[in-house]
């Protein structure tokens, strides 16, 4: 087979496929160009999740009419001109292939006007070929309109996800850009509805609190949103964290010199060093450009650090500070930085090396959710019982009256266990495990009765960062008791599964926890995830080992345990009681 050079039509589409993977790739390239152009307002509009149309508008510097053909040509850029400049990048774009790649796989229309020009210009490109270039009226700035994405690459089009999924990816990307550049106002619309907007007032703290659904920080430094700054010899890190104990994994957003990245080194550092601190993380790294290589990934989604070990050092230092433990690394004496178009400016008012939270321990409670049986309502997956438990129901626990009234309370051990006597046994009961079993079966009984739906007195707006995920699974969530309605473009929770008489739980937190767990493994039934979560909440409200209990409380717990279907173990498989039959006791002491 002879070696033949590829035609420009073929290799341009191959190259475009490396840069443009999905609608969010188009938005990323267009927004980065807008930021490099000094825009203070950027809007993104989608039709059908970007599959039909994507429009990105900005009020940046604009492009002259004569340079529009160059703007859509491959390897033409205003960002760099020499190899030396490539090693000292201060811009997000630098290859000069973004618009050309978009134009090769779509129908692109580019309108732009510089502020000093009286008229603007327009150029249209379809599948890489220019069809129109003319002067036209336009507002200062640039408008990029992309239609029929991947119409020249049908194979790539088949791999796009659902409309909701593609829209959610774009929304998450715009949200990340807004966090990285809080001084720029961002707006994101999907099918005419505004799903996200930021003020552009430079207040990253309020922006993160709004995105993550937290209260932010009050005048005394309270609230759940926490921030600290750390530094090593060659980099600085501004770290924001909002704990979320209901999650089983953390959501990490990473930024390097203002660039949104999905870097495995950073994610690995955050995953390894903040494993026990689940929640939302935003990591802003500032690195001298000469110590960073941003030219290693087709979509510029990864970077290479000259000193990668310092990434771990900085993240470890931040995790230790935010957890309230002493740091093993002495922070370098350097101020915080905020990324801005054209450079990175100091952030005023940040106290180096200390978390902006109240004094006290930040140790997180043990996540009971991780310990509940994976299939709590499947009889085949019940935890293995002790040998003494494999008996008919009438003989499960040491014999007492039908209501448990035959038991006699003896006392509490110093370690918190309850000592009881029945007419045929001595019983040592773990009150926490026993109460977990009682609460768990109460929740299970509610699930078996198909609980009623509780309406919210006032529909609760969902946080922007969460509403897109909820929209994608509205039908499935409605099937287990949640209900939603639209109000002013916001998705609101209007009803949720009623658990009155069992426990009270914040409905949005319940929804978030259930959806987060389910989307991590869609093979699990949503209803099983819901009741597994409710069982965890029941466990969290159980009496703790060592807690003071009266004799009446101990006997009441014993009676409730005796009425359970499976009283020998808690939902996590731990024993609830240890019984010593009086016959065995008599035999041991030779009193037969």
Protein backbone atom coordinates (compact mmCIF):
# COMPACT_ATOMS: atom_id res chain seq x y z
CA UNK A 1 0.00 0.00 0.00
CA UNK A 2 1.43 3.35 -1.06
CA UNK A 3 1.86 6.23 1.34
CA UNK A 4 -0.27 9.15 0.20
CA UNK A 5 -0.59 12.65 1.65
CA UNK A 6 -4.02 13.44 3.03
CA UNK A 7 -6.00 16.16 1.37
CA UNK A 8 -6.62 19.39 3.30
CA UNK A 9 -10.32 18.53 3.58
CA UNK A 10 -9.50 15.26 5.38
CA UNK A 11 -6.69 16.38 7.68
CA UNK A 12 -8.51 19.57 8.69
CA UNK A 13 -11.48 17.53 9.88
CA UNK A 14 -9.23 15.07 11.70
CA UNK A 15 -7.50 17.95 13.46
CA UNK A 16 -10.84 19.59 14.22
CA UNK A 17 -12.06 16.36 15.82
CA UNK A 18 -9.17 16.50 18.28
CA UNK A 19 -10.07 20.01 19.44
CA UNK A 20 -13.88 19.93 19.21
CA UNK A 21 -15.36 16.90 20.95
CA UNK A 22 -18.85 18.14 21.86
CA UNK A 23 -20.83 21.40 22.28
CA UNK A 24 -18.95 22.27 25.47
CA UNK A 25 -15.70 22.27 23.45
CA UNK A 26 -17.11 24.98 21.18
CA UNK A 27 -18.18 27.04 24.17
CA UNK A 28 -14.79 26.61 25.83
CA UNK A 29 -12.85 27.87 22.82
CA UNK A 30 -15.20 30.80 22.19
CA UNK A 31 -15.26 31.89 25.85
CA UNK A 32 -11.46 31.69 26.11
CA UNK A 33 -11.16 33.95 23.07
CA UNK A 34 -13.61 36.39 24.67
CA UNK A 35 -11.63 36.48 27.91
CA UNK A 36 -8.38 37.04 26.02
CA UNK A 37 -10.13 39.91 24.20
CA UNK A 38 -10.78 41.68 27.51
CA UNK A 39 -14.54 41.08 27.62
CA UNK A 40 -16.45 42.05 30.77
CA UNK A 41 -19.76 40.50 29.63
CA UNK A 42 -20.08 37.06 28.03
CA UNK A 43 -23.33 35.26 27.18
CA UNK A 44 -23.84 31.69 25.99
CA UNK A 45 -27.09 30.48 24.37
CA UNK A 46 -27.91 26.89 23.44
CA UNK A 47 -30.60 25.24 21.34
CA UNK A 48 -31.13 21.54 22.01
CA UNK A 49 -28.08 21.40 24.26
CA UNK A 50 -25.90 22.90 21.52
CA UNK A 51 -26.69 20.21 18.97
CA UNK A 52 -28.75 22.63 16.88
CA UNK A 53 -27.18 26.00 17.68
CA UNK A 54 -24.61 27.62 19.97
CA UNK A 55 -24.22 31.37 20.27
CA UNK A 56 -21.43 33.03 22.29
CA UNK A 57 -21.42 36.85 22.50
CA UNK A 58 -18.97 39.19 24.22
CA UNK A 59 -18.14 42.88 24.49
CA UNK A 60 -14.41 42.45 24.02
CA UNK A 61 -11.96 44.15 21.67
CA UNK A 62 -13.47 42.70 18.49
CA UNK A 63 -11.88 41.80 15.14
CA UNK A 64 -11.43 44.10 12.17
CA UNK A 65 -13.23 43.33 8.92
CA UNK A 66 -10.01 42.56 7.05
CA UNK A 67 -8.83 40.08 9.70
CA UNK A 68 -12.02 37.99 9.81
CA UNK A 69 -10.76 35.49 7.17
CA UNK A 70 -7.56 35.07 9.19
CA UNK A 71 -9.61 34.51 12.36
CA UNK A 72 -11.19 31.38 10.83
CA UNK A 73 -7.92 30.19 9.27
CA UNK A 74 -5.78 27.55 10.92
CA UNK A 75 -2.65 28.66 12.80
CA UNK A 76 -3.43 32.38 12.73
CA UNK A 77 -3.49 34.10 16.12
CA UNK A 78 -2.92 37.43 17.86
CA UNK A 79 -1.71 35.76 21.08
CA UNK A 80 1.87 34.78 20.21
CA UNK A 81 4.33 35.21 17.38
CA UNK A 82 7.53 33.48 18.57
CA UNK A 83 8.55 30.26 20.29
CA UNK A 84 9.81 32.28 23.25
CA UNK A 85 6.30 33.68 23.80
CA UNK A 86 4.95 30.14 23.84
CA UNK A 87 7.11 29.49 26.90
CA UNK A 88 5.72 32.54 28.72
CA UNK A 89 1.99 32.31 27.98
CA UNK A 90 -0.29 34.82 29.66
CA UNK A 91 -3.29 34.13 27.43
CA UNK A 92 -5.73 31.19 27.31
CA UNK A 93 -5.53 30.72 23.56
CA UNK A 94 -2.32 30.51 21.55
CA UNK A 95 -2.55 27.91 18.74
CA UNK A 96 -4.78 29.79 16.32
CA UNK A 97 -6.89 26.74 15.48
CA UNK A 98 -10.06 27.09 17.61
CA UNK A 99 -12.32 28.92 15.16
CA UNK A 100 -10.86 27.03 12.20
CA UNK A 101 -11.62 23.71 13.91
CA UNK A 102 -15.17 24.79 14.73
CA UNK A 103 -15.72 25.99 11.16
CA UNK A 104 -14.48 22.66 9.74
CA UNK A 105 -17.24 20.67 11.46
CA UNK A 106 -20.18 23.10 11.51
CA UNK A 107 -21.87 26.10 9.92
CA UNK A 108 -20.12 29.04 11.54
CA UNK A 109 -21.10 32.69 11.43
CA UNK A 110 -18.73 35.22 12.98
CA UNK A 111 -19.80 38.84 13.51
CA UNK A 112 -17.41 41.33 15.10
CA UNK A 113 -16.63 45.01 15.45
CA UNK A 114 -13.83 46.93 17.11
CA UNK A 115 -14.84 49.95 19.19
CA UNK A 116 -12.83 52.30 17.03
CA UNK A 117 -14.51 51.11 13.82
CA UNK A 118 -17.77 52.56 12.50
CA UNK A 119 -18.92 49.28 10.92
CA UNK A 120 -18.44 45.67 11.79
CA UNK A 121 -17.94 42.61 9.66
CA UNK A 122 -19.48 39.18 9.12
CA UNK A 123 -18.05 35.97 7.74
CA UNK A 124 -19.78 32.62 7.20
CA UNK A 125 -17.98 29.31 6.87
CA UNK A 126 -19.60 25.91 6.19
CA UNK A 127 -17.56 22.74 6.56
CA UNK A 128 -14.35 24.74 6.31
CA UNK A 129 -15.28 26.73 3.19
CA UNK A 130 -16.08 30.46 3.31
CA UNK A 131 -19.47 31.26 1.77
CA UNK A 132 -19.86 34.92 2.69
CA UNK A 133 -17.74 37.86 3.90
CA UNK A 134 -19.19 41.34 4.06
CA UNK A 135 -19.44 44.51 6.12
CA UNK A 136 -22.44 44.85 8.41
CA UNK A 137 -23.64 46.72 11.46
CA UNK A 138 -22.65 45.11 14.74
CA UNK A 139 -22.22 45.95 18.38
CA UNK A 140 -18.67 46.29 19.74
CA UNK A 141 -17.35 42.83 20.50
CA UNK A 142 -17.75 39.44 18.85
CA UNK A 143 -20.66 37.08 18.20
CA UNK A 144 -19.91 33.45 17.35
CA UNK A 145 -22.87 31.43 16.05
CA UNK A 146 -22.43 27.70 15.42
CA UNK A 147 -25.15 25.55 13.81
CA UNK A 148 -25.40 21.86 12.89
CA UNK A 149 -22.34 20.81 14.84
CA UNK A 150 -20.56 17.77 13.31
CA UNK A 151 -22.68 17.76 10.16
CA UNK A 152 -19.42 16.99 8.33
CA UNK A 153 -18.53 14.23 10.82
CA UNK A 154 -21.67 12.06 11.20
CA UNK A 155 -19.74 9.44 13.17
CA UNK A 156 -18.84 11.99 15.85
CA UNK A 157 -22.42 13.23 15.99
CA UNK A 158 -23.62 9.76 17.01
CA UNK A 159 -21.49 9.90 20.14
CA UNK A 160 -23.09 13.03 21.55
CA UNK A 161 -25.20 12.46 24.65
CA UNK A 162 -28.75 13.54 25.38
CA UNK A 163 -29.76 17.18 25.10
CA UNK A 164 -29.90 17.52 28.90
CA UNK A 165 -26.47 15.96 29.37
CA UNK A 166 -24.77 18.17 26.75
CA UNK A 167 -26.49 21.26 28.18
CA UNK A 168 -25.37 20.33 31.68
CA UNK A 169 -21.75 20.06 30.53
CA UNK A 170 -21.91 23.51 28.96
CA UNK A 171 -23.53 24.94 32.06
CA UNK A 172 -20.83 23.44 34.30
CA UNK A 173 -18.13 24.89 32.05
CA UNK A 174 -19.64 28.40 32.10
CA UNK A 175 -20.00 28.16 35.87
CA UNK A 176 -16.30 27.27 36.15
CA UNK A 177 -15.31 30.22 33.99
CA UNK A 178 -17.46 32.51 36.14
CA UNK A 179 -15.68 31.25 39.26
CA UNK A 180 -12.25 31.67 37.65
CA UNK A 181 -13.10 35.20 36.47
CA UNK A 182 -15.56 36.68 38.98
CA UNK A 183 -15.02 40.19 37.55
CA UNK A 184 -16.64 39.08 34.26
CA UNK A 185 -20.42 38.82 34.00
CA UNK A 186 -21.53 35.47 32.54
CA UNK A 187 -24.99 34.44 31.34
CA UNK A 188 -25.98 30.99 30.13
CA UNK A 189 -29.32 30.25 28.43
CA UNK A 190 -30.77 26.95 27.31
CA UNK A 191 -33.67 26.99 24.85
CA UNK A 192 -34.50 30.55 25.84
CA UNK A 193 -34.38 30.02 29.61
CA UNK A 194 -31.65 31.54 31.74
CA UNK A 195 -30.02 28.74 33.74
CA UNK A 196 -27.07 30.65 35.13
CA UNK A 197 -25.89 34.22 35.51
CA UNK A 198 -23.19 35.99 37.50
CA UNK A 199 -22.91 39.66 38.43
CA UNK A 200 -19.29 40.14 37.46
CA UNK A 201 -18.65 42.15 40.63
CA UNK A 202 -15.44 40.29 41.51
CA UNK A 203 -16.95 38.62 44.60
CA UNK A 204 -15.85 35.00 44.25
CA UNK A 205 -17.05 34.17 47.74
CA UNK A 206 -20.69 35.06 47.07
CA UNK A 207 -20.53 33.46 43.64
CA UNK A 208 -19.33 30.13 45.04
CA UNK A 209 -21.91 30.25 47.83
CA UNK A 210 -24.65 30.76 45.24
CA UNK A 211 -23.39 28.04 42.92
CA UNK A 212 -22.89 25.47 45.68
CA UNK A 213 -26.10 26.38 47.47
CA UNK A 214 -24.44 27.47 50.71
CA UNK A 215 -24.98 30.35 53.05
CA UNK A 216 -21.55 31.85 52.44
CA UNK A 217 -19.71 33.67 55.22
CA UNK A 218 -21.37 36.06 57.62
CA UNK A 219 -19.71 39.04 59.30
CA UNK A 220 -18.30 36.80 62.03
CA UNK A 221 -16.76 34.34 59.60
CA UNK A 222 -19.51 31.74 60.08
CA UNK A 223 -21.12 29.57 57.46
CA UNK A 224 -20.07 26.42 55.65
CA UNK A 225 -17.96 27.92 52.82
CA UNK A 226 -14.28 27.88 53.74
CA UNK A 227 -11.17 29.30 52.11
CA UNK A 228 -7.45 29.29 52.71
CA UNK A 229 -4.35 30.20 50.74
CA UNK A 230 -1.12 28.22 50.65
CA UNK A 231 2.13 28.44 48.75
CA UNK A 232 5.22 26.42 47.93
CA UNK A 233 8.48 27.57 46.38
CA UNK A 234 7.10 27.79 42.84
CA UNK A 235 3.32 28.02 43.04
CA UNK A 236 0.45 29.54 44.99
CA UNK A 237 -2.92 27.97 45.73
CA UNK A 238 -6.21 29.59 46.65
CA UNK A 239 -8.46 26.78 47.93
CA UNK A 240 -12.22 26.97 48.54
CA UNK A 241 -14.15 24.13 50.16
CA UNK A 242 -17.77 23.53 51.11
CA UNK A 243 -18.20 20.29 53.07
CA UNK A 244 -21.01 17.98 52.11
CA UNK A 245 -21.10 14.88 54.36
CA UNK A 246 -23.89 13.29 52.30
CA UNK A 247 -21.59 12.77 49.31
CA UNK A 248 -19.42 9.72 48.81
CA UNK A 249 -16.97 11.54 46.54
CA UNK A 250 -15.86 15.12 46.09
CA UNK A 251 -16.50 17.47 43.18
CA UNK A 252 -13.21 19.16 42.28
CA UNK A 253 -12.87 22.16 39.95
CA UNK A 254 -9.28 23.08 39.10
CA UNK A 255 -7.84 26.22 37.53
CA UNK A 256 -4.23 26.94 36.58
CA UNK A 257 -3.32 30.54 35.75
CA UNK A 258 -6.99 31.20 35.02
CA UNK A 259 -7.28 28.16 32.73
CA UNK A 260 -10.04 25.63 33.44
CA UNK A 261 -8.34 22.23 33.45
CA UNK A 262 -9.30 18.62 34.05
CA UNK A 263 -5.81 17.61 35.05
CA UNK A 264 -5.18 14.10 36.42
CA UNK A 265 -2.33 15.29 38.66
CA UNK A 266 -4.51 17.88 40.40
CA UNK A 267 -7.51 15.54 40.68
CA UNK A 268 -5.24 12.82 42.05
CA UNK A 269 -3.76 15.17 44.63
CA UNK A 270 -7.18 16.34 45.76
CA UNK A 271 -8.58 12.81 45.81
CA UNK A 272 -5.69 11.36 47.81
CA UNK A 273 -5.19 14.15 50.33
CA UNK A 274 -8.78 15.23 50.91
CA UNK A 275 -10.39 11.79 50.81
CA UNK A 276 -12.13 12.21 54.17
CA UNK A 277 -13.23 15.79 53.44
CA UNK A 278 -15.96 15.20 50.89
CA UNK A 279 -17.68 18.17 49.35
CA UNK A 280 -17.16 20.82 46.68
CA UNK A 281 -13.60 21.99 46.02
CA UNK A 282 -12.27 24.84 43.88
CA UNK A 283 -8.49 24.99 43.49
CA UNK A 284 -6.88 28.07 41.92
CA UNK A 285 -3.19 27.58 41.12
CA UNK A 286 -0.90 30.42 40.11
CA UNK A 287 2.36 29.28 38.52
CA UNK A 288 5.08 31.24 36.72
CA UNK A 289 4.42 30.61 32.99
CA UNK A 290 8.01 29.44 32.47
CA UNK A 291 7.35 26.54 34.89
CA UNK A 292 4.20 25.38 33.12
CA UNK A 293 3.61 23.67 29.77
CA UNK A 294 0.05 24.27 28.53
CA UNK A 295 0.72 22.77 25.10
CA UNK A 296 0.34 19.06 25.86
CA UNK A 297 -3.37 18.40 25.19
CA UNK A 298 -5.36 19.02 21.98
CA UNK A 299 -8.16 20.74 23.92
CA UNK A 300 -5.74 22.39 26.41
CA UNK A 301 -7.55 20.54 29.21
CA UNK A 302 -4.32 19.37 30.85
CA UNK A 303 -1.06 21.06 31.78
CA UNK A 304 2.40 19.87 32.78
CA UNK A 305 4.06 21.28 35.89
CA UNK A 306 7.83 21.68 36.07
CA UNK A 307 7.65 20.67 39.75
CA UNK A 308 4.62 18.37 40.09
CA UNK A 309 5.45 17.42 43.67
CA UNK A 310 4.60 20.95 44.77
CA UNK A 311 1.00 20.43 43.63
CA UNK A 312 0.63 17.69 46.24
CA UNK A 313 2.40 19.84 48.83
CA UNK A 314 0.05 22.79 48.27
CA UNK A 315 -3.13 20.70 48.27
CA UNK A 316 -1.98 18.79 51.37
CA UNK A 317 -1.25 22.05 53.14
CA UNK A 318 -4.73 23.38 52.29
CA UNK A 319 -6.44 20.15 53.38
CA UNK A 320 -4.65 20.22 56.73
CA UNK A 321 -5.55 23.87 57.31
CA UNK A 322 -9.21 23.40 56.41
CA UNK A 323 -9.50 20.26 58.53
CA UNK A 324 -8.23 22.16 61.56
CA UNK A 325 -5.09 20.02 61.90
CA UNK A 326 -1.60 21.53 62.16
CA UNK A 327 0.12 21.90 58.82
CA UNK A 328 3.32 19.94 58.28
CA UNK A 329 4.44 22.38 55.60
CA UNK A 330 5.32 25.95 56.44
CA UNK A 331 3.42 28.27 54.06
CA UNK A 332 5.62 30.57 52.03
CA UNK A 333 5.21 34.25 52.75
CA UNK A 334 3.31 35.25 49.65
CA UNK A 335 0.02 36.97 49.05
CA UNK A 336 -3.02 35.57 47.28
CA UNK A 337 -3.63 36.11 43.60
CA UNK A 338 -6.70 36.35 41.44
CA UNK A 339 -6.59 35.58 37.74
CA UNK A 340 -7.72 38.42 35.49
CA UNK A 341 -7.49 39.04 31.75
CA UNK A 342 -3.93 40.08 31.06
CA UNK A 343 -2.43 38.98 34.34
CA UNK A 344 -2.91 37.81 37.91
CA UNK A 345 -3.60 40.46 40.53
CA UNK A 346 -3.36 40.25 44.33
CA UNK A 347 -6.59 39.51 46.16
CA UNK A 348 -7.08 42.03 49.00
CA UNK A 349 -8.34 41.07 52.42
CA UNK A 350 -7.28 37.41 52.48
CA UNK A 351 -5.46 36.23 55.61
CA UNK A 352 -2.66 33.92 54.47
CA UNK A 353 -2.55 30.36 55.66
CA UNK A 354 -5.71 30.41 57.80
CA UNK A 355 -9.22 29.12 57.06
CA UNK A 356 -11.98 31.72 57.02
CA UNK A 357 -14.23 29.73 59.35
CA UNK A 358 -15.12 29.84 63.05
CA UNK A 359 -12.69 28.36 65.57
CA UNK A 360 -13.20 24.71 66.42
CA UNK A 361 -12.79 21.28 64.99
CA UNK A 362 -13.78 20.58 61.41
CA UNK A 363 -13.68 16.81 61.81
CA UNK A 364 -16.48 15.29 59.78
CA UNK A 365 -18.89 12.76 61.30
CA UNK A 366 -18.51 9.24 60.04
CA UNK A 367 -20.48 8.73 56.87
CA UNK A 368 -23.03 6.10 57.82
CA UNK A 369 -24.27 6.07 54.26
CA UNK A 370 -21.17 4.18 53.16
CA UNK A 371 -21.81 1.40 55.66
CA UNK A 372 -25.46 0.61 54.93
CA UNK A 373 -25.94 -2.64 53.02
CA UNK A 374 -25.82 -2.01 49.28
CA UNK A 375 -29.23 -3.57 48.66
CA UNK A 376 -31.11 -2.88 51.93
CA UNK A 377 -34.44 -4.25 50.76
CA UNK A 378 -33.21 -7.37 49.05
CA UNK A 379 -33.63 -10.34 51.35
CA UNK A 380 -30.83 -12.16 49.53
CA UNK A 381 -28.31 -9.54 50.57
CA UNK A 382 -29.07 -9.35 54.30
CA UNK A 383 -25.91 -9.38 56.41
CA UNK A 384 -24.72 -12.75 57.63
CA UNK A 385 -26.21 -13.52 61.03
CA UNK A 386 -24.40 -15.10 63.96
CA UNK A 387 -24.96 -18.86 64.27
CA UNK A 388 -27.27 -18.38 67.23
CA UNK A 389 -29.56 -16.26 65.08
CA UNK A 390 -30.42 -19.04 62.65
CA UNK A 391 -33.47 -20.15 64.58
CA UNK A 392 -37.24 -19.90 64.23
CA UNK A 393 -38.63 -16.40 64.83
CA UNK A 394 -40.09 -17.36 68.23
CA UNK A 395 -36.60 -18.15 69.55
CA UNK A 396 -34.61 -15.30 67.96
CA UNK A 397 -34.00 -13.44 71.22
CA UNK A 398 -33.88 -14.85 74.73
CA UNK A 399 -37.43 -15.69 75.70
CA UNK A 400 -39.46 -12.91 77.29
CA UNK A 401 -43.10 -11.99 77.33
CA UNK A 402 -44.71 -11.06 74.07
CA UNK A 403 -44.00 -7.37 74.75
CA UNK A 404 -40.61 -7.83 76.34
CA UNK A 405 -41.94 -7.14 79.83
CA UNK A 406 -40.17 -10.19 81.25
CA UNK A 407 -36.71 -8.54 81.03
CA UNK A 408 -35.06 -7.02 84.08
CA UNK A 409 -32.63 -4.09 83.82
CA UNK A 410 -29.38 -4.70 85.71
CA UNK A 411 -27.24 -1.76 84.70
CA UNK A 412 -24.98 0.02 82.20
CA UNK A 413 -21.34 -0.96 81.80
CA UNK A 414 -18.68 1.75 81.84
CA UNK A 415 -18.32 1.32 78.06
CA UNK A 416 -22.04 1.96 77.51
CA UNK A 417 -23.49 -1.53 76.98
CA UNK A 418 -26.82 -2.45 78.58
CA UNK A 419 -26.96 -5.52 80.83
CA UNK A 420 -30.35 -7.22 81.06
CA UNK A 421 -31.68 -10.46 82.52
CA UNK A 422 -34.51 -12.54 81.12
CA UNK A 423 -35.89 -15.67 82.75
CA UNK A 424 -33.51 -17.86 80.73
CA UNK A 425 -30.50 -15.65 79.77
CA UNK A 426 -28.15 -12.82 80.59
CA UNK A 427 -28.13 -10.30 77.72
CA UNK A 428 -25.58 -7.61 76.82
CA UNK A 429 -27.13 -5.14 74.35
CA UNK A 430 -25.38 -2.51 72.21
CA UNK A 431 -27.90 0.37 72.45
CA UNK A 432 -26.61 2.15 69.34
CA UNK A 433 -26.77 -0.93 67.10
CA UNK A 434 -30.15 -1.87 68.55
CA UNK A 435 -31.58 1.61 67.95
CA UNK A 436 -30.21 1.59 64.40
CA UNK A 437 -32.07 -1.66 63.74
CA UNK A 438 -35.30 -0.25 65.19
CA UNK A 439 -35.07 2.98 63.17
CA UNK A 440 -34.09 1.12 60.02
CA UNK A 441 -37.13 -1.13 60.15
CA UNK A 442 -39.37 1.87 60.78
CA UNK A 443 -38.09 3.45 57.58
CA UNK A 444 -38.48 0.17 55.74
CA UNK A 445 -42.07 -0.08 56.94
CA UNK A 446 -42.73 3.40 55.56
CA UNK A 447 -41.27 2.40 52.19
CA UNK A 448 -43.42 -0.73 52.06
CA UNK A 449 -46.53 1.41 52.60
CA UNK A 450 -45.62 3.77 49.73
CA UNK A 451 -45.43 6.95 51.80
CA UNK A 452 -47.46 10.00 50.93
CA UNK A 453 -45.93 12.98 49.19
CA UNK A 454 -45.40 16.06 51.35
CA UNK A 455 -45.93 19.37 49.54
CA UNK A 456 -43.55 22.22 50.29
CA UNK A 457 -45.31 25.21 51.82
CA UNK A 458 -43.39 27.36 49.34
CA UNK A 459 -41.60 25.82 46.32
CA UNK A 460 -37.87 25.76 47.02
CA UNK A 461 -35.56 27.03 44.21
CA UNK A 462 -32.73 24.59 43.52
CA UNK A 463 -29.15 25.94 43.46
CA UNK A 464 -27.90 26.57 39.90
CA UNK A 465 -25.13 23.96 40.18
CA UNK A 466 -27.71 21.32 41.08
CA UNK A 467 -30.74 22.22 38.99
CA UNK A 468 -29.28 20.93 35.70
CA UNK A 469 -28.69 17.47 37.21
CA UNK A 470 -32.21 17.47 38.62
CA UNK A 471 -33.70 18.52 35.27
CA UNK A 472 -32.00 15.59 33.55
CA UNK A 473 -33.65 13.09 35.90
CA UNK A 474 -36.99 14.79 36.65
CA UNK A 475 -39.04 11.84 35.37
CA UNK A 476 -37.21 9.26 37.49
CA UNK A 477 -37.31 11.48 40.60
CA UNK A 478 -41.03 12.06 40.14
CA UNK A 479 -41.50 8.31 40.25
CA UNK A 480 -40.23 8.12 43.84
CA UNK A 481 -42.18 11.05 45.25
CA UNK A 482 -40.34 14.24 44.30
CA UNK A 483 -42.20 16.94 42.35
CA UNK A 484 -40.93 20.05 40.55
CA UNK A 485 -42.20 23.24 38.95
CA UNK A 486 -40.73 26.14 36.99
CA UNK A 487 -40.74 29.64 38.44
CA UNK A 488 -39.08 32.48 36.57
CA UNK A 489 -36.74 30.13 34.74
CA UNK A 490 -35.71 28.39 37.97
CA UNK A 491 -36.43 24.76 38.76
CA UNK A 492 -38.13 24.52 42.17
CA UNK A 493 -38.82 21.55 44.40
CA UNK A 494 -42.55 21.51 45.22
CA UNK A 495 -42.98 18.12 46.95
CA UNK A 496 -40.94 15.26 48.39
CA UNK A 497 -41.47 11.80 49.98
CA UNK A 498 -43.19 12.26 53.34
CA UNK A 499 -41.44 10.73 56.34
CA UNK A 500 -43.54 12.21 59.12
CA UNK A 501 -43.32 10.21 62.30
CA UNK A 502 -39.95 8.77 61.28
CA UNK A 503 -37.61 11.73 60.81
CA UNK A 504 -37.47 15.21 59.36
CA UNK A 505 -34.88 16.04 56.72
CA UNK A 506 -34.21 19.12 54.62
CA UNK A 507 -35.94 18.20 51.32
CA UNK A 508 -33.28 19.77 49.07
CA UNK A 509 -30.49 18.02 50.97
CA UNK A 510 -32.41 14.74 50.72
CA UNK A 511 -32.90 15.24 46.97
CA UNK A 512 -29.25 16.16 46.44
CA UNK A 513 -27.96 13.18 48.40
CA UNK A 514 -30.26 10.70 46.66
CA UNK A 515 -29.47 12.00 43.17
CA UNK A 516 -25.73 12.19 43.84
CA UNK A 517 -25.61 8.57 45.00
CA UNK A 518 -27.81 7.30 42.19
CA UNK A 519 -25.94 9.03 39.36
CA UNK A 520 -22.69 7.49 40.58
CA UNK A 521 -24.12 4.06 39.72
CA UNK A 522 -27.26 4.12 37.57
CA UNK A 523 -27.50 0.34 37.78
CA UNK A 524 -28.97 0.70 41.27
CA UNK A 525 -32.71 1.29 41.54
CA UNK A 526 -33.52 4.90 42.45
CA UNK A 527 -36.07 3.72 44.99
CA UNK A 528 -33.43 1.55 46.67
CA UNK A 529 -31.07 4.53 46.82
CA UNK A 530 -33.82 6.66 48.39
CA UNK A 531 -34.63 4.19 51.14
CA UNK A 532 -30.98 3.42 51.69
CA UNK A 533 -30.46 7.13 52.30
CA UNK A 534 -33.43 7.28 54.65
CA UNK A 535 -32.06 4.31 56.57
CA UNK A 536 -28.79 6.17 56.93
CA UNK A 537 -30.63 9.21 58.28
CA UNK A 538 -32.40 6.95 60.75
CA UNK A 539 -29.05 5.53 61.85
CA UNK A 540 -27.73 9.03 62.37
CA UNK A 541 -30.51 9.74 64.82
CA UNK A 542 -29.86 6.63 66.90
CA UNK A 543 -28.70 6.81 70.50
CA UNK A 544 -24.91 6.80 70.78
CA UNK A 545 -22.88 4.22 72.67
CA UNK A 546 -22.01 5.62 76.09
CA UNK A 547 -24.95 8.00 76.17
CA UNK A 548 -26.76 8.10 79.52
CA UNK A 549 -29.98 6.07 79.48
CA UNK A 550 -32.50 5.37 82.23
CA UNK A 551 -33.67 1.87 83.05
CA UNK A 552 -37.07 2.61 81.45
CA UNK A 553 -35.38 3.77 78.23
CA UNK A 554 -33.22 0.64 78.11
CA UNK A 555 -36.22 -1.64 78.62
CA UNK A 556 -38.26 0.25 76.04
CA UNK A 557 -35.44 -0.16 73.49
CA UNK A 558 -35.25 -3.88 74.33
CA UNK A 559 -38.98 -4.28 73.70
CA UNK A 560 -38.76 -2.44 70.36
CA UNK A 561 -35.80 -4.56 69.30
CA UNK A 562 -37.71 -7.70 70.24
CA UNK A 563 -40.48 -6.66 67.81
CA UNK A 564 -38.08 -6.25 64.86
CA UNK A 565 -37.98 -8.68 61.95
CA UNK A 566 -34.22 -9.17 62.20
CA UNK A 567 -33.16 -8.06 65.67
CA UNK A 568 -29.79 -9.79 65.83
CA UNK A 569 -27.86 -7.24 63.73
CA UNK A 570 -27.93 -3.55 62.88
CA UNK A 571 -28.35 -2.57 59.18
CA UNK A 572 -24.55 -2.63 58.78
CA UNK A 573 -24.19 -6.21 60.00
CA UNK A 574 -22.93 -5.53 63.53
CA UNK A 575 -24.43 -7.62 66.37
CA UNK A 576 -27.05 -5.94 68.54
CA UNK A 577 -26.96 -8.36 71.48
CA UNK A 578 -24.80 -11.04 73.04
CA UNK A 579 -26.76 -13.60 75.10
CA UNK A 580 -25.53 -16.08 77.68
CA UNK A 581 -28.18 -18.77 78.39
CA UNK A 582 -28.59 -19.43 82.10
CA UNK A 583 -28.21 -23.16 81.44
CA UNK A 584 -24.74 -22.56 79.97
CA UNK A 585 -23.87 -20.27 82.87
CA UNK A 586 -24.96 -22.95 85.38
CA UNK A 587 -22.95 -25.59 83.53
CA UNK A 588 -19.85 -23.36 83.48
CA UNK A 589 -19.91 -22.98 87.26
CA UNK A 590 -20.72 -26.67 87.84
CA UNK A 591 -24.16 -25.97 89.29
CA UNK A 592 -26.10 -28.44 87.16
